[in-house]
Amino acid sequence: MRLLELADVESFYGASQALYGVSLTLDEGEMVALMGRNGMGKTTTIRSVFGLIRPRSGSIRFEGAEIAGRRPHRIARLGLGLVPEGRRCFPNLTVFENLTAAARGGEWTLEKVFGLFPRLEERSEQYANTLSGGEQQMLAIGRALMTNPKLLVLDEATEGLAPVIRQDIWRALSKLKASGQTILVVDKTLSELLRVADRCYILEKGKTVFEGTPEALTPDLQDRYLGV
């Protein structure tokens, strides 16, 4: 089943155009990687999906319904969960409060989140601003899961984290994928992205320049579109 479809999306920041006809699709149960160098439109694409930027043109459909231009809270209620860049946990709430504040009824419960991230249970009474960066990222993922999303979107899933914590996050994402969770993920760790993703999209200067399987993303293409 087609869950998300972007077709020819163009978005602007004031007079400056950031997206030039971005298109991508995501089917139920897929993990799709959205890739590209810094400043190429990945976060803008996510912001457009979630209604944080209103596209000037193009279509964004979720479960077949047009959502471009809807207010962010209404989009979230359809079943989209966001783990934003920079984590953005509620700093003056405890881990428990961060998780339960976002809770909606469904498969994902506090106990299940603690099963995925046991460290969060150990820190359940700590304030979010006392956690390490890796623990805050676990909390941000757990908070998104507590909304019981049909689509989980992660912007810079492991940026700035220690290698051992990055591996914890990738293991968790692999478990989520195995459970059937649909995931759109942005990250710069190519080896891990290509290992777990079903398909990849690459953005270059706000345009979709590649769509295909990880196997189709040759070293030459990686150098052309992702190399520093």
Protein backbone atom coordinates (compact mmCIF):
# COMPACT_ATOMS: atom_id res chain seq x y z
CA MET A 1 0.00 0.00 0.00
CA ARG A 2 1.30 3.45 -0.93
CA LEU A 3 1.60 5.42 2.32
CA LEU A 4 3.32 8.67 1.29
CA GLU A 5 3.72 10.25 -2.13
CA LEU A 6 5.37 13.54 -3.02
CA ALA A 7 4.99 14.73 -6.60
CA ASP A 8 6.79 17.78 -8.01
CA VAL A 9 6.92 19.60 -4.66
CA GLU A 10 8.30 23.13 -4.76
CA SER A 11 8.91 24.98 -1.48
CA PHE A 12 10.34 28.37 -0.64
CA TYR A 13 11.82 30.29 2.28
CA GLY A 14 10.49 33.74 1.50
CA ALA A 15 11.66 34.56 -2.00
CA SER A 16 14.33 31.83 -2.00
CA GLN A 17 13.32 28.55 -3.61
CA ALA A 18 14.57 25.46 -1.73
CA LEU A 19 12.79 22.56 -3.48
CA TYR A 20 12.50 22.24 -7.24
CA GLY A 21 10.01 19.51 -8.03
CA VAL A 22 10.93 16.90 -5.41
CA SER A 23 9.18 13.55 -5.89
CA LEU A 24 9.35 10.41 -3.76
CA THR A 25 7.15 7.54 -2.65
CA LEU A 26 7.05 5.36 0.44
CA ASP A 27 5.10 2.14 0.71
CA GLU A 28 3.80 0.60 3.90
CA GLY A 29 6.53 -1.39 5.68
CA GLU A 30 9.41 0.19 3.75
CA MET A 31 12.47 1.91 5.12
CA VAL A 32 13.52 4.65 2.71
CA ALA A 33 16.68 6.74 3.02
CA LEU A 34 16.62 10.41 2.00
CA MET A 35 20.19 11.40 1.21
CA GLY A 36 22.26 14.32 0.00
CA ARG A 37 24.95 16.74 1.06
CA ASN A 38 24.21 19.49 3.58
CA GLY A 39 21.85 22.16 2.33
CA MET A 40 20.40 20.12 -0.52
CA GLY A 41 16.79 20.11 0.71
CA LYS A 42 16.37 17.06 2.93
CA THR A 43 15.10 18.90 6.00
CA THR A 44 13.00 21.22 3.83
CA THR A 45 11.36 18.16 2.29
CA ILE A 46 10.51 16.83 5.75
CA ARG A 47 9.25 20.23 6.89
CA SER A 48 7.03 20.36 3.81
CA VAL A 49 5.55 16.93 4.58
CA PHE A 50 4.74 17.96 8.15
CA GLY A 51 3.19 21.28 7.21
CA LEU A 52 5.96 23.35 8.78
CA ILE A 53 6.49 24.85 5.32
CA ARG A 54 3.59 25.25 2.91
CA PRO A 55 4.61 24.10 -0.59
CA ARG A 56 3.96 26.58 -3.38
CA SER A 57 3.13 23.78 -5.80
CA GLY A 58 3.06 20.03 -6.15
CA SER A 59 1.25 17.32 -4.23
CA ILE A 60 1.86 15.57 -0.91
CA ARG A 61 -0.48 12.64 -0.33
CA PHE A 62 -0.69 10.44 2.76
CA GLU A 63 -2.78 7.26 2.43
CA GLY A 64 -4.15 8.78 -0.76
CA ALA A 65 -5.36 12.04 0.81
CA GLU A 66 -3.82 15.40 -0.05
CA ILE A 67 -2.12 16.91 3.01
CA ALA A 68 -0.10 19.77 1.48
CA GLY A 69 -1.19 22.97 3.20
CA ARG A 70 -2.79 21.33 6.22
CA ARG A 71 -1.79 22.53 9.66
CA PRO A 72 1.03 20.56 11.34
CA HIS A 73 -1.05 19.21 14.23
CA ARG A 74 -3.66 17.90 11.83
CA ILE A 75 -0.99 16.17 9.75
CA ALA A 76 0.51 14.57 12.85
CA ARG A 77 -2.88 13.23 13.87
CA LEU A 78 -3.09 11.30 10.61
CA GLY A 79 -0.28 9.07 11.88
CA LEU A 80 3.02 10.80 11.09
CA GLY A 81 5.67 10.85 13.80
CA LEU A 82 8.74 13.11 13.57
CA VAL A 83 12.12 12.79 15.25
CA PRO A 84 13.49 16.24 14.37
CA GLU A 85 17.07 17.25 13.82
CA GLY A 86 18.55 18.30 17.15
CA ARG A 87 16.19 16.00 19.10
CA ARG A 88 14.24 18.83 20.81
CA CYS A 89 13.05 16.95 23.86
CA PHE A 90 11.15 18.92 26.50
CA PRO A 91 14.14 19.82 28.72
CA ASN A 92 12.26 20.49 31.95
CA LEU A 93 10.18 17.30 31.82
CA THR A 94 11.39 13.91 32.95
CA VAL A 95 11.88 11.01 30.57
CA PHE A 96 8.59 9.54 31.79
CA GLU A 97 6.79 12.86 31.27
CA ASN A 98 8.25 13.34 27.79
CA LEU A 99 7.01 9.92 26.75
CA THR A 100 3.56 10.05 28.31
CA ALA A 101 2.86 13.61 27.15
CA ALA A 102 2.88 12.40 23.56
CA ALA A 103 1.11 9.09 24.10
CA ARG A 104 -1.77 8.00 21.91
CA GLY A 105 -3.45 4.65 22.26
CA GLY A 106 -2.07 1.81 20.21
CA GLU A 107 0.62 -0.82 19.97
CA TRP A 108 3.40 1.37 21.37
CA THR A 109 3.24 1.65 25.14
CA LEU A 110 5.68 2.87 27.76
CA GLU A 111 6.72 -0.71 28.46
CA LYS A 112 7.40 -1.38 24.78
CA VAL A 113 9.51 1.77 24.41
CA PHE A 114 11.49 0.76 27.50
CA GLY A 115 11.98 -2.66 25.91
CA LEU A 116 13.45 -1.02 22.81
CA PHE A 117 15.58 1.41 24.84
CA PRO A 118 16.24 -0.05 28.32
CA ARG A 119 18.39 2.96 29.16
CA LEU A 120 15.28 5.15 29.12
CA GLU A 121 13.69 3.05 31.85
CA GLU A 122 16.83 3.49 33.96
CA ARG A 123 16.57 7.28 33.42
CA SER A 124 12.78 7.54 33.64
CA GLU A 125 12.79 10.07 36.51
CA GLN A 126 15.64 12.20 35.12
CA TYR A 127 14.97 15.49 33.40
CA ALA A 128 15.62 15.41 29.67
CA ASN A 129 18.24 18.15 29.87
CA THR A 130 20.41 15.95 32.11
CA LEU A 131 20.62 13.13 29.54
CA SER A 132 23.50 12.52 27.16
CA GLY A 133 23.01 13.31 23.49
CA GLY A 134 22.49 9.64 22.71
CA GLU A 135 19.94 9.22 25.47
CA GLN A 136 18.09 12.30 24.24
CA GLN A 137 17.95 10.79 20.76
CA MET A 138 16.54 7.57 22.20
CA LEU A 139 13.98 9.68 24.04
CA ALA A 140 13.06 11.58 20.88
CA ILE A 141 12.50 8.30 19.03
CA GLY A 142 10.54 6.86 21.94
CA ARG A 143 8.39 9.98 22.14
CA ALA A 144 7.58 9.72 18.43
CA LEU A 145 6.74 6.02 18.79
CA MET A 146 4.37 6.79 21.68
CA THR A 147 2.19 8.63 19.16
CA ASN A 148 1.82 5.22 17.43
CA PRO A 149 2.74 6.56 13.99
CA LYS A 150 1.99 4.85 10.72
CA LEU A 151 5.06 6.63 9.35
CA LEU A 152 8.14 7.41 11.46
CA VAL A 153 10.41 10.14 10.07
CA LEU A 154 13.91 10.71 11.46
CA ASP A 155 15.92 13.78 10.45
CA GLU A 156 19.66 13.17 11.07
CA ALA A 157 19.09 9.99 13.05
CA THR A 158 22.60 9.65 14.50
CA GLU A 159 24.27 13.02 13.94
CA GLY A 160 26.77 13.98 16.60
CA LEU A 161 26.49 10.73 18.55
CA ALA A 162 29.32 8.53 19.78
CA PRO A 163 29.94 5.43 17.62
CA VAL A 164 28.65 3.00 20.27
CA ILE A 165 25.41 5.00 20.63
CA ARG A 166 25.02 5.20 16.85
CA GLN A 167 25.09 1.42 16.75
CA ASP A 168 22.37 1.29 19.44
CA ILE A 169 20.19 3.58 17.33
CA TRP A 170 20.74 1.57 14.15
CA ARG A 171 19.94 -1.68 15.97
CA ALA A 172 16.71 -0.12 17.21
CA LEU A 173 15.81 1.05 13.69
CA SER A 174 16.51 -2.44 12.34
CA LYS A 175 14.13 -3.88 14.94
CA LEU A 176 11.49 -1.32 14.00
CA LYS A 177 11.84 -2.18 10.33
CA ALA A 178 11.59 -5.92 11.11
CA SER A 179 8.36 -5.22 13.02
CA GLY A 180 6.82 -3.62 9.92
CA GLN A 181 7.20 0.02 10.91
CA THR A 182 7.35 2.33 7.90
CA ILE A 183 10.37 4.65 8.18
CA LEU A 184 11.80 7.61 6.29
CA VAL A 185 15.30 8.35 7.55
CA VAL A 186 17.88 11.05 6.90
CA ASP A 187 21.44 10.34 7.99
CA LYS A 188 25.00 10.71 6.77
CA THR A 189 26.22 7.25 7.82
CA LEU A 190 26.20 5.65 4.39
CA SER A 191 27.29 2.18 5.46
CA GLU A 192 24.41 1.83 7.91
CA LEU A 193 21.83 3.52 5.70
CA LEU A 194 22.62 1.30 2.74
CA ARG A 195 22.54 -1.80 4.93
CA VAL A 196 19.02 -1.24 6.26
CA ALA A 197 17.21 0.82 3.60
CA ASP A 198 14.95 -0.76 1.00
CA ARG A 199 15.28 2.21 -1.34
CA CYS A 200 17.19 5.48 -1.48
CA TYR A 201 16.54 8.97 -2.78
CA ILE A 202 19.23 11.59 -3.28
CA LEU A 203 18.55 15.32 -3.40
CA GLU A 204 20.91 17.71 -5.18
CA LYS A 205 20.16 21.45 -4.97
CA GLY A 206 16.53 20.78 -4.13
CA LYS A 207 15.93 18.26 -6.91
CA THR A 208 15.49 14.49 -6.86
CA VAL A 209 18.50 13.16 -8.78
CA PHE A 210 18.50 9.49 -7.80
CA GLU A 211 15.91 6.89 -6.80
CA GLY A 212 16.76 3.22 -6.48
CA THR A 213 17.92 0.36 -4.33
CA PRO A 214 21.09 0.53 -2.24
CA GLU A 215 22.68 -1.90 -4.71
CA ALA A 216 22.10 0.60 -7.53
CA LEU A 217 23.93 3.37 -5.68
CA THR A 218 27.36 2.77 -7.17
CA PRO A 219 30.60 4.24 -5.81
CA ASP A 220 30.61 6.69 -8.71
CA LEU A 221 27.13 7.95 -7.81
CA GLN A 222 28.11 8.17 -4.14
CA ASP A 223 31.14 10.28 -5.06
CA ARG A 224 29.11 12.49 -7.40
CA TYR A 225 26.21 13.26 -5.07
CA LEU A 226 27.37 12.44 -1.53
CA GLY A 227 31.13 12.95 -1.46
CA VAL A 228 32.57 15.89 0.41
